[in-house]
Amino acid sequence: MLRVGKKANLLKQLFTKKMSAEATQMTLRQPIQHPFNMQQLTDQDLVQGVLKGSPAHQTALYQKYSVPMFRVVLRFARDRAEAEDMLQDGFIRVFRDMGQFRGEGALGGWIRRIMVNTALSHLRKQRDFLRDTPDYSPFENLLRTEEDFASNLDAETLLKYLQRLPPGYRAVFNLYVIEEFSHEEIAEQLGISVGTSKSQLFKAREYLKRIVDKSFIT
């Protein structure tokens, strides 16, 4: 489950900052013109319109949430093309499952969970999604923390490095560091052991450390 209210670490702060227009620019496929001002619509208005099957409300909801949700799936994807596929599939699920939204939390948080689950579904289809690695968790303290190797990087550079991770490493790293899942929650989400989750995180950190070190050397 997504946690709220916890103090964000450096990586989360970097990734949730507004990225450049080039990095987050999205174009709506086959846009639909709607006769009302989107800014006047509340989330409740959008939900009710989507439930009634209104294309205009679907478009308005997409336009409101597509950019922040694109930033979410972009962290899980290997490139922009894959992220766009994740985003489109995610919004299909949002529109399909809108009746399950009970209004007990923020609409944006509910959509974000769907996007994370959609991204993970895409990653699971990839060959060698979770590499079989031993449990490296006893040696985690030997590595520099995320803050150490991220301190001199901007969000876009860090994203570029993150996208170079193998899909399993990328998934666990995102879930643990950015989405703030526990290893127990990651294990349940991905159908793996807690030890495997820890080892994937360890290897992801090690992989990122090598990429960052190499970039500074070259």
Protein backbone atom coordinates (compact mmCIF):
# COMPACT_ATOMS: atom_id res chain seq x y z
CA MET A 1 0.00 0.00 0.00
CA LEU A 2 1.11 3.57 -0.60
CA ARG A 3 2.00 5.41 2.55
CA VAL A 4 1.31 9.09 3.12
CA GLY A 5 2.70 11.48 5.67
CA LYS A 6 6.21 10.00 5.86
CA LYS A 7 9.12 12.36 5.43
CA ALA A 8 10.28 12.03 1.83
CA ASN A 9 13.91 11.14 1.26
CA LEU A 10 16.14 12.88 -1.26
CA LEU A 11 15.34 10.56 -4.14
CA LYS A 12 11.61 10.91 -3.67
CA GLN A 13 11.96 14.68 -3.51
CA LEU A 14 13.94 14.67 -6.75
CA PHE A 15 11.48 12.48 -8.61
CA THR A 16 8.41 14.36 -7.44
CA LYS A 17 9.77 17.77 -8.39
CA LYS A 18 8.41 19.23 -11.58
CA MET A 19 10.57 17.97 -14.42
CA SER A 20 11.28 19.87 -17.60
CA ALA A 21 8.54 20.33 -20.19
CA GLU A 22 10.47 18.13 -22.61
CA ALA A 23 10.67 15.28 -20.09
CA THR A 24 6.98 15.30 -19.18
CA GLN A 25 5.26 16.61 -22.30
CA MET A 26 2.28 14.44 -23.18
CA THR A 27 -0.05 14.55 -26.15
CA LEU A 28 -3.57 13.26 -25.87
CA ARG A 29 -4.32 10.68 -28.54
CA GLN A 30 -7.39 11.70 -30.52
CA PRO A 31 -8.26 14.62 -28.20
CA ILE A 32 -11.91 15.43 -27.57
CA GLN A 33 -13.06 19.01 -27.23
CA HIS A 34 -15.23 19.59 -24.19
CA PRO A 35 -17.64 22.50 -23.69
CA PHE A 36 -16.68 23.38 -20.12
CA ASN A 37 -13.72 24.78 -18.23
CA MET A 38 -11.78 21.86 -16.79
CA GLN A 39 -10.55 24.01 -13.91
CA GLN A 40 -14.12 24.45 -12.73
CA LEU A 41 -14.61 20.70 -12.31
CA THR A 42 -13.96 19.03 -8.97
CA ASP A 43 -12.67 15.48 -8.74
CA GLN A 44 -16.17 14.46 -7.71
CA ASP A 45 -17.52 16.02 -10.91
CA LEU A 46 -14.96 14.09 -12.94
CA VAL A 47 -15.78 10.81 -11.22
CA GLN A 48 -19.51 11.22 -11.77
CA GLY A 49 -19.01 12.17 -15.40
CA VAL A 50 -16.75 9.18 -16.07
CA LEU A 51 -19.26 6.87 -14.39
CA LYS A 52 -21.90 8.19 -16.80
CA GLY A 53 -19.63 7.39 -19.73
CA SER A 54 -18.99 11.01 -20.69
CA PRO A 55 -16.07 11.25 -23.17
CA ALA A 56 -15.64 14.91 -22.23
CA HIS A 57 -15.17 14.05 -18.55
CA GLN A 58 -12.77 11.24 -19.46
CA THR A 59 -10.74 13.74 -21.45
CA ALA A 60 -10.81 16.28 -18.62
CA LEU A 61 -9.65 13.68 -16.10
CA TYR A 62 -6.88 12.56 -18.45
CA GLN A 63 -5.71 16.13 -18.98
CA LYS A 64 -5.64 16.79 -15.25
CA TYR A 65 -3.71 13.69 -14.23
CA SER A 66 -1.76 12.52 -17.29
CA VAL A 67 1.43 14.50 -16.61
CA PRO A 68 1.90 13.56 -12.92
CA MET A 69 0.99 9.94 -13.70
CA PHE A 70 3.38 9.91 -16.63
CA ARG A 71 6.17 10.81 -14.21
CA VAL A 72 5.15 7.82 -12.08
CA VAL A 73 5.21 5.23 -14.87
CA LEU A 74 8.30 6.75 -16.48
CA ARG A 75 10.32 5.64 -13.45
CA PHE A 76 9.24 2.03 -14.03
CA ALA A 77 9.69 2.07 -17.82
CA ARG A 78 12.86 1.59 -19.82
CA ASP A 79 12.00 4.50 -22.13
CA ARG A 80 9.30 7.03 -23.02
CA ALA A 81 7.57 4.72 -25.50
CA GLU A 82 7.05 2.03 -22.87
CA ALA A 83 5.94 4.67 -20.36
CA GLU A 84 3.31 5.96 -22.79
CA ASP A 85 1.96 2.42 -23.22
CA MET A 86 1.81 2.02 -19.45
CA LEU A 87 0.01 5.34 -19.12
CA GLN A 88 -2.60 4.51 -21.75
CA ASP A 89 -3.25 1.07 -20.25
CA GLY A 90 -3.44 2.64 -16.81
CA PHE A 91 -6.11 5.13 -17.84
CA ILE A 92 -8.10 2.36 -19.51
CA ARG A 93 -8.14 0.65 -16.10
CA VAL A 94 -9.03 3.91 -14.38
CA PHE A 95 -12.08 4.42 -16.60
CA ARG A 96 -13.06 0.76 -16.39
CA ASP A 97 -12.75 0.54 -12.60
CA MET A 98 -14.02 4.00 -11.64
CA GLY A 99 -16.99 2.40 -9.91
CA GLN A 100 -14.57 0.96 -7.36
CA PHE A 101 -13.46 4.42 -6.22
CA ARG A 102 -15.26 5.05 -2.93
CA GLY A 103 -14.07 8.57 -2.30
CA GLU A 104 -12.38 7.54 0.95
CA GLY A 105 -9.09 9.09 -0.17
CA ALA A 106 -7.77 11.40 -2.84
CA LEU A 107 -8.64 10.53 -6.42
CA GLY A 108 -5.04 11.19 -7.44
CA GLY A 109 -3.77 8.64 -4.93
CA TRP A 110 -6.22 6.03 -6.21
CA ILE A 111 -5.16 6.67 -9.81
CA ARG A 112 -1.49 6.50 -8.80
CA ARG A 113 -1.97 3.02 -7.31
CA ILE A 114 -3.54 1.86 -10.56
CA MET A 115 -0.61 3.30 -12.52
CA VAL A 116 1.93 1.53 -10.31
CA ASN A 117 0.07 -1.77 -10.67
CA THR A 118 -0.19 -1.29 -14.43
CA ALA A 119 3.53 -0.59 -14.70
CA LEU A 120 4.29 -3.73 -12.70
CA SER A 121 2.02 -5.76 -14.97
CA HIS A 122 4.03 -4.56 -17.97
CA LEU A 123 7.32 -5.43 -16.27
CA ARG A 124 6.16 -8.93 -15.32
CA LYS A 125 5.73 -9.74 -19.01
CA GLN A 126 9.41 -9.10 -19.68
CA ARG A 127 11.84 -11.99 -19.80
CA ASP A 128 14.07 -12.32 -16.76
CA PHE A 129 11.93 -9.83 -14.83
CA LEU A 130 13.24 -10.85 -11.41
CA ARG A 131 16.79 -12.10 -11.52
CA ASP A 132 17.58 -15.00 -9.23
CA THR A 133 20.03 -13.49 -6.76
CA PRO A 134 21.14 -14.52 -3.27
CA ASP A 135 20.06 -12.56 -0.22
CA TYR A 136 22.55 -9.69 0.01
CA SER A 137 20.67 -7.90 2.79
CA PRO A 138 23.35 -8.54 5.49
CA PHE A 139 25.77 -6.44 3.42
CA GLU A 140 23.49 -3.47 2.72
CA ASN A 141 25.42 -1.19 5.06
CA LEU A 142 28.54 -1.62 2.94
CA LEU A 143 26.95 0.46 0.19
CA ARG A 144 26.53 4.18 0.12
CA THR A 145 22.95 5.26 0.67
CA GLU A 146 20.74 6.60 -2.11
CA GLU A 147 21.31 10.10 -0.76
CA ASP A 148 25.09 9.72 -1.11
CA PHE A 149 25.17 8.87 -4.79
CA ALA A 150 22.16 11.03 -5.68
CA SER A 151 23.25 14.22 -3.97
CA ASN A 152 24.85 15.77 -7.06
CA LEU A 153 22.25 14.61 -9.60
CA ASP A 154 19.16 16.32 -10.93
CA ALA A 155 15.89 14.44 -11.39
CA GLU A 156 16.26 13.90 -15.12
CA THR A 157 19.79 12.50 -14.84
CA LEU A 158 18.74 10.21 -12.02
CA LEU A 159 15.76 9.04 -14.07
CA LYS A 160 18.05 8.23 -17.00
CA TYR A 161 20.23 6.09 -14.74
CA LEU A 162 17.23 4.40 -13.16
CA GLN A 163 15.88 3.40 -16.57
CA ARG A 164 19.13 1.53 -17.24
CA LEU A 165 18.44 -0.89 -14.39
CA PRO A 166 17.16 -4.40 -15.22
CA PRO A 167 13.35 -4.42 -14.86
CA GLY A 168 13.26 -6.37 -11.59
CA TYR A 169 15.81 -4.11 -9.93
CA ARG A 170 13.95 -1.06 -11.23
CA ALA A 171 10.61 -2.30 -9.91
CA VAL A 172 11.84 -3.10 -6.40
CA PHE A 173 13.89 0.09 -6.17
CA ASN A 174 10.89 2.21 -7.15
CA LEU A 175 8.51 0.42 -4.81
CA TYR A 176 10.86 0.63 -1.82
CA VAL A 177 12.54 4.01 -2.28
CA ILE A 178 9.92 6.12 -4.06
CA GLU A 179 6.57 4.49 -3.28
CA GLU A 180 7.72 3.62 0.27
CA PHE A 181 6.55 0.01 0.28
CA SER A 182 8.03 -2.26 2.93
CA HIS A 183 9.86 -5.40 1.84
CA GLU A 184 6.90 -7.41 3.11
CA GLU A 185 4.53 -5.41 0.90
CA ILE A 186 6.84 -5.73 -2.10
CA ALA A 187 7.06 -9.48 -1.57
CA GLU A 188 3.28 -9.75 -1.52
CA GLN A 189 2.87 -7.46 -4.53
CA LEU A 190 5.38 -9.31 -6.71
CA GLY A 191 4.88 -12.83 -5.38
CA ILE A 192 8.45 -13.16 -4.11
CA SER A 193 10.13 -13.70 -0.75
CA VAL A 194 11.19 -10.87 1.53
CA GLY A 195 14.79 -11.99 1.06
CA THR A 196 14.47 -11.73 -2.71
CA SER A 197 13.05 -8.23 -2.37
CA LYS A 198 16.01 -7.21 -0.22
CA SER A 199 18.52 -8.75 -2.61
CA GLN A 200 16.92 -7.04 -5.61
CA LEU A 201 17.13 -3.71 -3.79
CA PHE A 202 20.76 -4.32 -2.85
CA LYS A 203 21.68 -5.17 -6.43
CA ALA A 204 19.74 -2.17 -7.74
CA ARG A 205 21.67 0.15 -5.42
CA GLU A 206 24.95 -1.48 -6.42
CA TYR A 207 24.07 -1.19 -10.10
CA LEU A 208 23.15 2.49 -9.75
CA LYS A 209 26.30 3.19 -7.77
CA ARG A 210 28.43 1.75 -10.56
CA ILE A 211 26.57 3.76 -13.21
CA VAL A 212 26.98 6.98 -11.24
CA ASP A 213 30.63 6.33 -10.43
CA LYS A 214 31.38 5.54 -14.08
CA SER A 215 29.65 8.72 -15.25
CA PHE A 216 31.74 10.85 -12.90
CA ILE A 217 34.96 9.12 -13.96
CA THR A 218 34.26 9.53 -17.67
